[in-house]
Amino acid sequence: MQQLLIPLAMTAAFGAFVGTLYRLSRRPGYQRPLLFPLVGVAAGIIGFVIYRLLVGTTGAPLWLLPLLVVVQVWLWLGPLGPAARTSGQNGDTGR
């Protein structure tokens, strides 16, 4: 059981770290700063599951795991992530 939980916890922590680094590289004053590490934890867990599936089916190399986590954090917080609001937009639709 430890052979599964310890790598999973380490991957989730790495995802949170990458999410925090992504937060620090973004513009200051973002509305939801806790979103970045939480998305990183989710990306770490999902990346670990994908990696374990790839190891079971194709024998994927170990270096693929951190790459999966970094790419998922970048995708989920970047191009596929939540839309960034401009400073003049307060959510009103004008109706």
PDB file of N, CA and C in Angstrom:
ATOM      1  N   MET A   1       0.817  -1.188   0.000  1.00  0.00           N
ATOM      2  CA  MET A   1       0.000   0.000   0.000  1.00  0.00           C
ATOM      3  C   MET A   1       0.867   1.261   0.000  1.00  0.00           C
ATOM      4  N   GLN A   2       1.988   1.224   0.746  1.00  0.00           N
ATOM      5  CA  GLN A   2       2.883   2.380   0.777  1.00  0.00           C
ATOM      6  C   GLN A   2       3.534   2.620  -0.576  1.00  0.00           C
ATOM      7  N   GLN A   3       3.697   1.562  -1.352  1.00  0.00           N
ATOM      8  CA  GLN A   3       4.299   1.718  -2.664  1.00  0.00           C
ATOM      9  C   GLN A   3       3.387   2.488  -3.611  1.00  0.00           C
ATOM     10  N   LEU A   4       2.137   2.623  -3.242  1.00  0.00           N
ATOM     11  CA  LEU A   4       1.193   3.388  -4.052  1.00  0.00           C
ATOM     12  C   LEU A   4       0.918   4.764  -3.448  1.00  0.00           C
ATOM     13  N   LEU A   5       0.766   4.844  -2.124  1.00  0.00           N
ATOM     14  CA  LEU A   5       0.384   6.105  -1.482  1.00  0.00           C
ATOM     15  C   LEU A   5       1.512   7.128  -1.419  1.00  0.00           C
ATOM     16  N   ILE A   6       2.730   6.679  -1.158  1.00  0.00           N
ATOM     17  CA  ILE A   6       3.841   7.632  -1.062  1.00  0.00           C
ATOM     18  C   ILE A   6       4.118   8.303  -2.413  1.00  0.00           C
ATOM     19  N   PRO A   7       4.233   7.561  -3.525  1.00  0.00           N
ATOM     20  CA  PRO A   7       4.404   8.256  -4.815  1.00  0.00           C
ATOM     21  C   PRO A   7       3.212   9.139  -5.184  1.00  0.00           C
ATOM     22  N   LEU A   8       1.996   8.706  -4.819  1.00  0.00           N
ATOM     23  CA  LEU A   8       0.811   9.529  -5.096  1.00  0.00           C
ATOM     24  C   LEU A   8       0.879  10.842  -4.321  1.00  0.00           C
ATOM     25  N   ALA A   9       1.239  10.779  -3.050  1.00  0.00           N
ATOM     26  CA  ALA A   9       1.356  11.998  -2.243  1.00  0.00           C
ATOM     27  C   ALA A   9       2.482  12.901  -2.758  1.00  0.00           C
ATOM     28  N   MET A  10       3.584  12.302  -3.159  1.00  0.00           N
ATOM     29  CA  MET A  10       4.693  13.103  -3.693  1.00  0.00           C
ATOM     30  C   MET A  10       4.309  13.756  -5.019  1.00  0.00           C
ATOM     31  N   THR A  11       3.569  13.050  -5.849  1.00  0.00           N
ATOM     32  CA  THR A  11       3.126  13.615  -7.118  1.00  0.00           C
ATOM     33  C   THR A  11       2.122  14.737  -6.898  1.00  0.00           C
ATOM     34  N   ALA A  12       1.223  14.576  -5.928  1.00  0.00           N
ATOM     35  CA  ALA A  12       0.273  15.642  -5.613  1.00  0.00           C
ATOM     36  C   ALA A  12       0.998  16.869  -5.061  1.00  0.00           C
ATOM     37  N   ALA A  13       2.006  16.656  -4.222  1.00  0.00           N
ATOM     38  CA  ALA A  13       2.784  17.783  -3.699  1.00  0.00           C
ATOM     39  C   ALA A  13       3.561  18.474  -4.819  1.00  0.00           C
ATOM     40  N   PHE A  14       4.107  17.698  -5.740  1.00  0.00           N
ATOM     41  CA  PHE A  14       4.802  18.300  -6.882  1.00  0.00           C
ATOM     42  C   PHE A  14       3.834  19.105  -7.743  1.00  0.00           C
ATOM     43  N   GLY A  15       2.631  18.601  -7.920  1.00  0.00           N
ATOM     44  CA  GLY A  15       1.621  19.341  -8.675  1.00  0.00           C
ATOM     45  C   GLY A  15       1.265  20.653  -7.997  1.00  0.00           C
ATOM     46  N   ALA A  16       1.127  20.637  -6.664  1.00  0.00           N
ATOM     47  CA  ALA A  16       0.843  21.874  -5.924  1.00  0.00           C
ATOM     48  C   ALA A  16       1.992  22.858  -6.068  1.00  0.00           C
ATOM     49  N   PHE A  17       3.219  22.349  -6.044  1.00  0.00           N
ATOM     50  CA  PHE A  17       4.395  23.210  -6.224  1.00  0.00           C
ATOM     51  C   PHE A  17       4.412  23.834  -7.619  1.00  0.00           C
ATOM     52  N   VAL A  18       4.130  23.045  -8.630  1.00  0.00           N
ATOM     53  CA  VAL A  18       4.106  23.573 -10.007  1.00  0.00           C
ATOM     54  C   VAL A  18       2.973  24.583 -10.168  1.00  0.00           C
ATOM     55  N   GLY A  19       1.822  24.299  -9.567  1.00  0.00           N
ATOM     56  CA  GLY A  19       0.713  25.255  -9.614  1.00  0.00           C
ATOM     57  C   GLY A  19       1.063  26.564  -8.932  1.00  0.00           C
ATOM     58  N   THR A  20       1.765  26.490  -7.803  1.00  0.00           N
ATOM     59  CA  THR A  20       2.198  27.707  -7.111  1.00  0.00           C
ATOM     60  C   THR A  20       3.215  28.476  -7.947  1.00  0.00           C
ATOM     61  N   LEU A  21       4.139  27.767  -8.577  1.00  0.00           N
ATOM     62  CA  LEU A  21       5.098  28.442  -9.463  1.00  0.00           C
ATOM     63  C   LEU A  21       4.386  29.114 -10.629  1.00  0.00           C
ATOM     64  N   TYR A  22       3.375  28.457 -11.148  1.00  0.00           N
ATOM     65  CA  TYR A  22       2.603  29.056 -12.234  1.00  0.00           C
ATOM     66  C   TYR A  22       1.875  30.299 -11.740  1.00  0.00           C
ATOM     67  N   ARG A  23       1.402  30.273 -10.501  1.00  0.00           N
ATOM     68  CA  ARG A  23       0.746  31.445  -9.902  1.00  0.00           C
ATOM     69  C   ARG A  23       1.719  32.602  -9.780  1.00  0.00           C
ATOM     70  N   LEU A  24       2.950  32.307  -9.374  1.00  0.00           N
ATOM     71  CA  LEU A  24       3.943  33.363  -9.211  1.00  0.00           C
ATOM     72  C   LEU A  24       4.381  33.955 -10.545  1.00  0.00           C
ATOM     73  N   SER A  25       4.259  33.189 -11.612  1.00  0.00           N
ATOM     74  CA  SER A  25       4.667  33.705 -12.919  1.00  0.00           C
ATOM     75  C   SER A  25       3.556  34.490 -13.610  1.00  0.00           C
ATOM     76  N   ARG A  26       2.335  34.447 -13.073  1.00  0.00           N
ATOM     77  CA  ARG A  26       1.215  35.172 -13.661  1.00  0.00           C
ATOM     78  C   ARG A  26       1.186  36.613 -13.173  1.00  0.00           C
ATOM     79  N   ARG A  27       0.266  37.387 -13.705  1.00  0.00           N
ATOM     80  CA  ARG A  27       0.141  38.781 -13.312  1.00  0.00           C
ATOM     81  C   ARG A  27      -0.311  38.885 -11.853  1.00  0.00           C
ATOM     82  N   PRO A  28       0.095  39.918 -11.151  1.00  0.00           N
ATOM     83  CA  PRO A  28      -0.307  40.050  -9.746  1.00  0.00           C
ATOM     84  C   PRO A  28      -1.779  40.444  -9.622  1.00  0.00           C
ATOM     85  N   GLY A  29      -2.366  40.136  -8.482  1.00  0.00           N
ATOM     86  CA  GLY A  29      -3.737  40.517  -8.218  1.00  0.00           C
ATOM     87  C   GLY A  29      -4.770  39.606  -8.825  1.00  0.00           C
ATOM     88  N   TYR A  30      -4.432  38.379  -9.123  1.00  0.00           N
ATOM     89  CA  TYR A  30      -5.403  37.450  -9.685  1.00  0.00           C
ATOM     90  C   TYR A  30      -6.475  37.172  -8.635  1.00  0.00           C
ATOM     91  N   GLN A  31      -7.703  36.984  -9.064  1.00  0.00           N
ATOM     92  CA  GLN A  31      -8.845  36.904  -8.161  1.00  0.00           C
ATOM     93  C   GLN A  31      -8.835  35.677  -7.256  1.00  0.00           C
ATOM     94  N   ARG A  32      -8.414  34.529  -7.749  1.00  0.00           N
ATOM     95  CA  ARG A  32      -8.488  33.288  -6.979  1.00  0.00           C
ATOM     96  C   ARG A  32      -7.110  32.654  -6.845  1.00  0.00           C
ATOM     97  N   PRO A  33      -6.284  33.111  -5.903  1.00  0.00           N
ATOM     98  CA  PRO A  33      -4.924  32.567  -5.813  1.00  0.00           C
ATOM     99  C   PRO A  33      -4.872  31.124  -5.332  1.00  0.00           C
ATOM    100  N   LEU A  34      -5.861  30.648  -4.581  1.00  0.00           N
ATOM    101  CA  LEU A  34      -5.850  29.267  -4.097  1.00  0.00           C
ATOM    102  C   LEU A  34      -6.168  28.276  -5.214  1.00  0.00           C
ATOM    103  N   LEU A  35      -6.726  28.767  -6.308  1.00  0.00           N
ATOM    104  CA  LEU A  35      -7.058  27.902  -7.429  1.00  0.00           C
ATOM    105  C   LEU A  35      -5.817  27.232  -8.011  1.00  0.00           C
ATOM    106  N   PHE A  36      -4.703  27.932  -8.037  1.00  0.00           N
ATOM    107  CA  PHE A  36      -3.490  27.426  -8.679  1.00  0.00           C
ATOM    108  C   PHE A  36      -2.938  26.182  -7.988  1.00  0.00           C
ATOM    109  N   PRO A  37      -2.700  26.195  -6.665  1.00  0.00           N
ATOM    110  CA  PRO A  37      -2.209  24.956  -6.047  1.00  0.00           C
ATOM    111  C   PRO A  37      -3.244  23.831  -6.039  1.00  0.00           C
ATOM    112  N   LEU A  38      -4.522  24.162  -5.954  1.00  0.00           N
ATOM    113  CA  LEU A  38      -5.543  23.114  -5.987  1.00  0.00           C
ATOM    114  C   LEU A  38      -5.601  22.432  -7.346  1.00  0.00           C
ATOM    115  N   VAL A  39      -5.508  23.213  -8.397  1.00  0.00           N
ATOM    116  CA  VAL A  39      -5.456  22.623  -9.741  1.00  0.00           C
ATOM    117  C   VAL A  39      -4.178  21.801  -9.886  1.00  0.00           C
ATOM    118  N   GLY A  40      -3.091  22.268  -9.273  1.00  0.00           N
ATOM    119  CA  GLY A  40      -1.839  21.506  -9.299  1.00  0.00           C
ATOM    120  C   GLY A  40      -1.963  20.169  -8.600  1.00  0.00           C
ATOM    121  N   VAL A  41      -2.643  20.135  -7.460  1.00  0.00           N
ATOM    122  CA  VAL A  41      -2.858  18.864  -6.749  1.00  0.00           C
ATOM    123  C   VAL A  41      -3.704  17.928  -7.607  1.00  0.00           C
ATOM    124  N   ALA A  42      -4.761  18.450  -8.197  1.00  0.00           N
ATOM    125  CA  ALA A  42      -5.609  17.622  -9.071  1.00  0.00           C
ATOM    126  C   ALA A  42      -4.820  17.111 -10.270  1.00  0.00           C
ATOM    127  N   ALA A  43      -3.986  17.963 -10.848  1.00  0.00           N
ATOM    128  CA  ALA A  43      -3.164  17.545 -11.987  1.00  0.00           C
ATOM    129  C   ALA A  43      -2.154  16.486 -11.564  1.00  0.00           C
ATOM    130  N   GLY A  44      -1.621  16.600 -10.356  1.00  0.00           N
ATOM    131  CA  GLY A  44      -0.696  15.588  -9.858  1.00  0.00           C
ATOM    132  C   GLY A  44      -1.367  14.241  -9.683  1.00  0.00           C
ATOM    133  N   ILE A  45      -2.557  14.241  -9.121  1.00  0.00           N
ATOM    134  CA  ILE A  45      -3.275  12.979  -8.909  1.00  0.00           C
ATOM    135  C   ILE A  45      -3.677  12.349 -10.241  1.00  0.00           C
ATOM    136  N   ILE A  46      -4.231  13.149 -11.139  1.00  0.00           N
ATOM    137  CA  ILE A  46      -4.632  12.633 -12.452  1.00  0.00           C
ATOM    138  C   ILE A  46      -3.412  12.190 -13.252  1.00  0.00           C
ATOM    139  N   GLY A  47      -2.318  12.957 -13.161  1.00  0.00           N
ATOM    140  CA  GLY A  47      -1.081  12.569 -13.843  1.00  0.00           C
ATOM    141  C   GLY A  47      -0.546  11.240 -13.334  1.00  0.00           C
ATOM    142  N   PHE A  48      -0.649  11.009 -12.018  1.00  0.00           N
ATOM    143  CA  PHE A  48      -0.206   9.744 -11.447  1.00  0.00           C
ATOM    144  C   PHE A  48      -1.058   8.585 -11.949  1.00  0.00           C
ATOM    145  N   VAL A  49      -2.363   8.792 -12.026  1.00  0.00           N
ATOM    146  CA  VAL A  49      -3.247   7.733 -12.523  1.00  0.00           C
ATOM    147  C   VAL A  49      -2.938   7.433 -13.991  1.00  0.00           C
ATOM    148  N   ILE A  50      -2.757   8.470 -14.794  1.00  0.00           N
ATOM    149  CA  ILE A  50      -2.419   8.266 -16.209  1.00  0.00           C
ATOM    150  C   ILE A  50      -1.086   7.542 -16.336  1.00  0.00           C
ATOM    151  N   TYR A  51      -0.117   7.936 -15.514  1.00  0.00           N
ATOM    152  CA  TYR A  51       1.200   7.297 -15.560  1.00  0.00           C
ATOM    153  C   TYR A  51       1.103   5.818 -15.193  1.00  0.00           C
ATOM    154  N   ARG A  52       0.347   5.498 -14.135  1.00  0.00           N
ATOM    155  CA  ARG A  52       0.211   4.094 -13.727  1.00  0.00           C
ATOM    156  C   ARG A  52      -0.474   3.277 -14.829  1.00  0.00           C
ATOM    157  N   LEU A  53      -1.453   3.873 -15.509  1.00  0.00           N
ATOM    158  CA  LEU A  53      -2.090   3.183 -16.630  1.00  0.00           C
ATOM    159  C   LEU A  53      -1.104   2.955 -17.777  1.00  0.00           C
ATOM    160  N   LEU A  54      -0.274   3.962 -18.048  1.00  0.00           N
ATOM    161  CA  LEU A  54       0.719   3.817 -19.115  1.00  0.00           C
ATOM    162  C   LEU A  54       1.794   2.804 -18.754  1.00  0.00           C
ATOM    163  N   VAL A  55       2.183   2.755 -17.487  1.00  0.00           N
ATOM    164  CA  VAL A  55       3.172   1.768 -17.063  1.00  0.00           C
ATOM    165  C   VAL A  55       2.602   0.359 -17.209  1.00  0.00           C
ATOM    166  N   GLY A  56       1.353   0.207 -16.841  1.00  0.00           N
ATOM    167  CA  GLY A  56       0.726  -1.113 -16.953  1.00  0.00           C
ATOM    168  C   GLY A  56       0.525  -1.580 -18.378  1.00  0.00           C
ATOM    169  N   THR A  57       0.309  -0.658 -19.292  1.00  0.00           N
ATOM    170  CA  THR A  57       0.021  -1.061 -20.670  1.00  0.00           C
ATOM    171  C   THR A  57       1.245  -1.024 -21.579  1.00  0.00           C
ATOM    172  N   THR A  58       2.078   0.007 -21.427  1.00  0.00           N
ATOM    173  CA  THR A  58       3.197   0.152 -22.363  1.00  0.00           C
ATOM    174  C   THR A  58       4.566   0.144 -21.708  1.00  0.00           C
ATOM    175  N   GLY A  59       4.641   0.184 -20.382  1.00  0.00           N
ATOM    176  CA  GLY A  59       5.944   0.234 -19.719  1.00  0.00           C
ATOM    177  C   GLY A  59       6.596   1.601 -19.853  1.00  0.00           C
ATOM    178  N   ALA A  60       5.855   2.651 -19.580  1.00  0.00           N
ATOM    179  CA  ALA A  60       6.332   4.025 -19.733  1.00  0.00           C
ATOM    180  C   ALA A  60       7.525   4.304 -18.819  1.00  0.00           C
ATOM    181  N   PRO A  61       8.464   5.155 -19.235  1.00  0.00           N
ATOM    182  CA  PRO A  61       9.620   5.488 -18.405  1.00  0.00           C
ATOM    183  C   PRO A  61       9.236   6.423 -17.254  1.00  0.00           C
ATOM    184  N   LEU A  62      10.069   6.467 -16.226  1.00  0.00           N
ATOM    185  CA  LEU A  62       9.788   7.244 -15.024  1.00  0.00           C
ATOM    186  C   LEU A  62       9.795   8.751 -15.294  1.00  0.00           C
ATOM    187  N   TRP A  63      10.588   9.221 -16.249  1.00  0.00           N
ATOM    188  CA  TRP A  63      10.672  10.659 -16.510  1.00  0.00           C
ATOM    189  C   TRP A  63       9.363  11.218 -17.077  1.00  0.00           C
ATOM    190  N   LEU A  64       8.464  10.344 -17.482  1.00  0.00           N
ATOM    191  CA  LEU A  64       7.198  10.797 -18.043  1.00  0.00           C
ATOM    192  C   LEU A  64       6.254  11.367 -16.980  1.00  0.00           C
ATOM    193  N   LEU A  65       6.368  10.905 -15.732  1.00  0.00           N
ATOM    194  CA  LEU A  65       5.456  11.335 -14.672  1.00  0.00           C
ATOM    195  C   LEU A  65       5.548  12.841 -14.397  1.00  0.00           C
ATOM    196  N   PRO A  66       6.729  13.421 -14.119  1.00  0.00           N
ATOM    197  CA  PRO A  66       6.753  14.876 -13.899  1.00  0.00           C
ATOM    198  C   PRO A  66       6.372  15.666 -15.145  1.00  0.00           C
ATOM    199  N   LEU A  67       6.678  15.139 -16.304  1.00  0.00           N
ATOM    200  CA  LEU A  67       6.297  15.810 -17.540  1.00  0.00           C
ATOM    201  C   LEU A  67       4.781  15.868 -17.684  1.00  0.00           C
ATOM    202  N   LEU A  68       4.096  14.773 -17.344  1.00  0.00           N
ATOM    203  CA  LEU A  68       2.635  14.757 -17.378  1.00  0.00           C
ATOM    204  C   LEU A  68       2.040  15.789 -16.434  1.00  0.00           C
ATOM    205  N   VAL A  69       2.605  15.893 -15.233  1.00  0.00           N
ATOM    206  CA  VAL A  69       2.075  16.831 -14.244  1.00  0.00           C
ATOM    207  C   VAL A  69       2.278  18.266 -14.715  1.00  0.00           C
ATOM    208  N   VAL A  70       3.469  18.597 -15.190  1.00  0.00           N
ATOM    209  CA  VAL A  70       3.754  19.971 -15.633  1.00  0.00           C
ATOM    210  C   VAL A  70       2.882  20.348 -16.820  1.00  0.00           C
ATOM    211  N   VAL A  71       2.722  19.449 -17.763  1.00  0.00           N
ATOM    212  CA  VAL A  71       1.899  19.747 -18.944  1.00  0.00           C
ATOM    213  C   VAL A  71       0.433  19.923 -18.554  1.00  0.00           C
ATOM    214  N   GLN A  72      -0.059  19.096 -17.630  1.00  0.00           N
ATOM    215  CA  GLN A  72      -1.443  19.245 -17.206  1.00  0.00           C
ATOM    216  C   GLN A  72      -1.678  20.552 -16.468  1.00  0.00           C
ATOM    217  N   VAL A  73      -0.762  20.936 -15.593  1.00  0.00           N
ATOM    218  CA  VAL A  73      -0.918  22.216 -14.892  1.00  0.00           C
ATOM    219  C   VAL A  73      -0.912  23.352 -15.898  1.00  0.00           C
ATOM    220  N   TRP A  74       0.000  23.303 -16.858  1.00  0.00           N
ATOM    221  CA  TRP A  74       0.064  24.365 -17.856  1.00  0.00           C
ATOM    222  C   TRP A  74      -1.226  24.415 -18.683  1.00  0.00           C
ATOM    223  N   LEU A  75      -1.735  23.256 -19.097  1.00  0.00           N
ATOM    224  CA  LEU A  75      -2.960  23.244 -19.893  1.00  0.00           C
ATOM    225  C   LEU A  75      -4.166  23.703 -19.086  1.00  0.00           C
ATOM    226  N   TRP A  76      -4.311  23.207 -17.859  1.00  0.00           N
ATOM    227  CA  TRP A  76      -5.499  23.512 -17.068  1.00  0.00           C
ATOM    228  C   TRP A  76      -5.504  24.940 -16.562  1.00  0.00           C
ATOM    229  N   LEU A  77      -4.348  25.543 -16.359  1.00  0.00           N
ATOM    230  CA  LEU A  77      -4.308  26.931 -15.890  1.00  0.00           C
ATOM    231  C   LEU A  77      -4.015  27.914 -17.013  1.00  0.00           C
ATOM    232  N   GLY A  78      -3.578  27.429 -18.142  1.00  0.00           N
ATOM    233  CA  GLY A  78      -3.255  28.301 -19.266  1.00  0.00           C
ATOM    234  C   GLY A  78      -4.346  28.322 -20.302  1.00  0.00           C
ATOM    235  N   PRO A  79      -4.116  27.678 -21.447  1.00  0.00           N
ATOM    236  CA  PRO A  79      -5.075  27.778 -22.547  1.00  0.00           C
ATOM    237  C   PRO A  79      -6.431  27.132 -22.268  1.00  0.00           C
ATOM    238  N   LEU A  80      -6.489  26.093 -21.482  1.00  0.00           N
ATOM    239  CA  LEU A  80      -7.764  25.441 -21.200  1.00  0.00           C
ATOM    240  C   LEU A  80      -8.347  25.851 -19.858  1.00  0.00           C
ATOM    241  N   GLY A  81      -7.680  26.758 -19.171  1.00  0.00           N
ATOM    242  CA  GLY A  81      -8.092  27.157 -17.829  1.00  0.00           C
ATOM    243  C   GLY A  81      -9.184  28.205 -17.824  1.00  0.00           C
ATOM    244  N   PRO A  82      -9.454  28.740 -16.637  1.00  0.00           N
ATOM    245  CA  PRO A  82     -10.501  29.761 -16.523  1.00  0.00           C
ATOM    246  C   PRO A  82     -10.109  31.028 -17.263  1.00  0.00           C
ATOM    247  N   ALA A  83     -11.098  31.673 -17.842  1.00  0.00           N
ATOM    248  CA  ALA A  83     -10.845  32.903 -18.587  1.00  0.00           C
ATOM    249  C   ALA A  83     -10.471  34.021 -17.622  1.00  0.00           C
ATOM    250  N   ALA A  84      -9.449  34.763 -17.984  1.00  0.00           N
ATOM    251  CA  ALA A  84      -9.011  35.878 -17.146  1.00  0.00           C
ATOM    252  C   ALA A  84      -9.873  37.100 -17.443  1.00  0.00           C
ATOM    253  N   ARG A  85     -10.323  37.758 -16.398  1.00  0.00           N
ATOM    254  CA  ARG A  85     -11.130  38.957 -16.576  1.00  0.00           C
ATOM    255  C   ARG A  85     -10.227  40.178 -16.610  1.00  0.00           C
ATOM    256  N   THR A  86     -10.601  41.134 -17.394  1.00  0.00           N
ATOM    257  CA  THR A  86      -9.848  42.372 -17.429  1.00  0.00           C
ATOM    258  C   THR A  86     -10.192  43.209 -16.215  1.00  0.00           C
ATOM    259  N   SER A  87      -9.377  44.204 -15.904  1.00  0.00           N
ATOM    260  CA  SER A  87      -9.581  44.993 -14.686  1.00  0.00           C
ATOM    261  C   SER A  87     -10.853  45.847 -14.759  1.00  0.00           C
ATOM    262  N   GLY A  88     -11.305  46.214 -15.938  1.00  0.00           N
ATOM    263  CA  GLY A  88     -12.497  47.034 -16.070  1.00  0.00           C
ATOM    264  C   GLY A  88     -13.791  46.245 -16.069  1.00  0.00           C
ATOM    265  N   GLN A  89     -13.705  44.960 -16.133  1.00  0.00           N
ATOM    266  CA  GLN A  89     -14.900  44.129 -16.224  1.00  0.00           C
ATOM    267  C   GLN A  89     -15.226  43.591 -14.820  1.00  0.00           C
ATOM    268  N   ASN A  90     -16.432  43.885 -14.338  1.00  0.00           N
ATOM    269  CA  ASN A  90     -16.805  43.457 -12.997  1.00  0.00           C
ATOM    270  C   ASN A  90     -17.864  42.366 -13.006  1.00  0.00           C
ATOM    271  N   GLY A  91     -18.132  41.766 -14.139  1.00  0.00           N
ATOM    272  CA  GLY A  91     -19.103  40.688 -14.208  1.00  0.00           C
ATOM    273  C   GLY A  91     -20.489  41.125 -14.578  1.00  0.00           C
ATOM    274  N   ASP A  92     -20.756  42.412 -14.717  1.00  0.00           N
ATOM    275  CA  ASP A  92     -22.074  42.883 -15.100  1.00  0.00           C
ATOM    276  C   ASP A  92     -22.297  42.634 -16.572  1.00  0.00           C
ATOM    277  N   THR A  93     -23.509  42.255 -16.909  1.00  0.00           N
ATOM    278  CA  THR A  93     -23.845  42.049 -18.321  1.00  0.00           C
ATOM    279  C   THR A  93     -24.517  43.290 -18.907  1.00  0.00           C
ATOM    280  N   GLY A  94     -24.861  44.276 -18.082  1.00  0.00           N
ATOM    281  CA  GLY A  94     -25.463  45.484 -18.582  1.00  0.00           C
ATOM    282  C   GLY A  94     -26.965  45.418 -18.721  1.00  0.00           C
ATOM    283  N   ARG A  95     -27.592  44.417 -18.154  1.00  0.00           N
ATOM    284  CA  ARG A  95     -29.053  44.271 -18.265  1.00  0.00           C
ATOM    285  C   ARG A  95     -29.728  44.763 -17.024  1.00  0.00           C
TER     286      ARG A  95
END
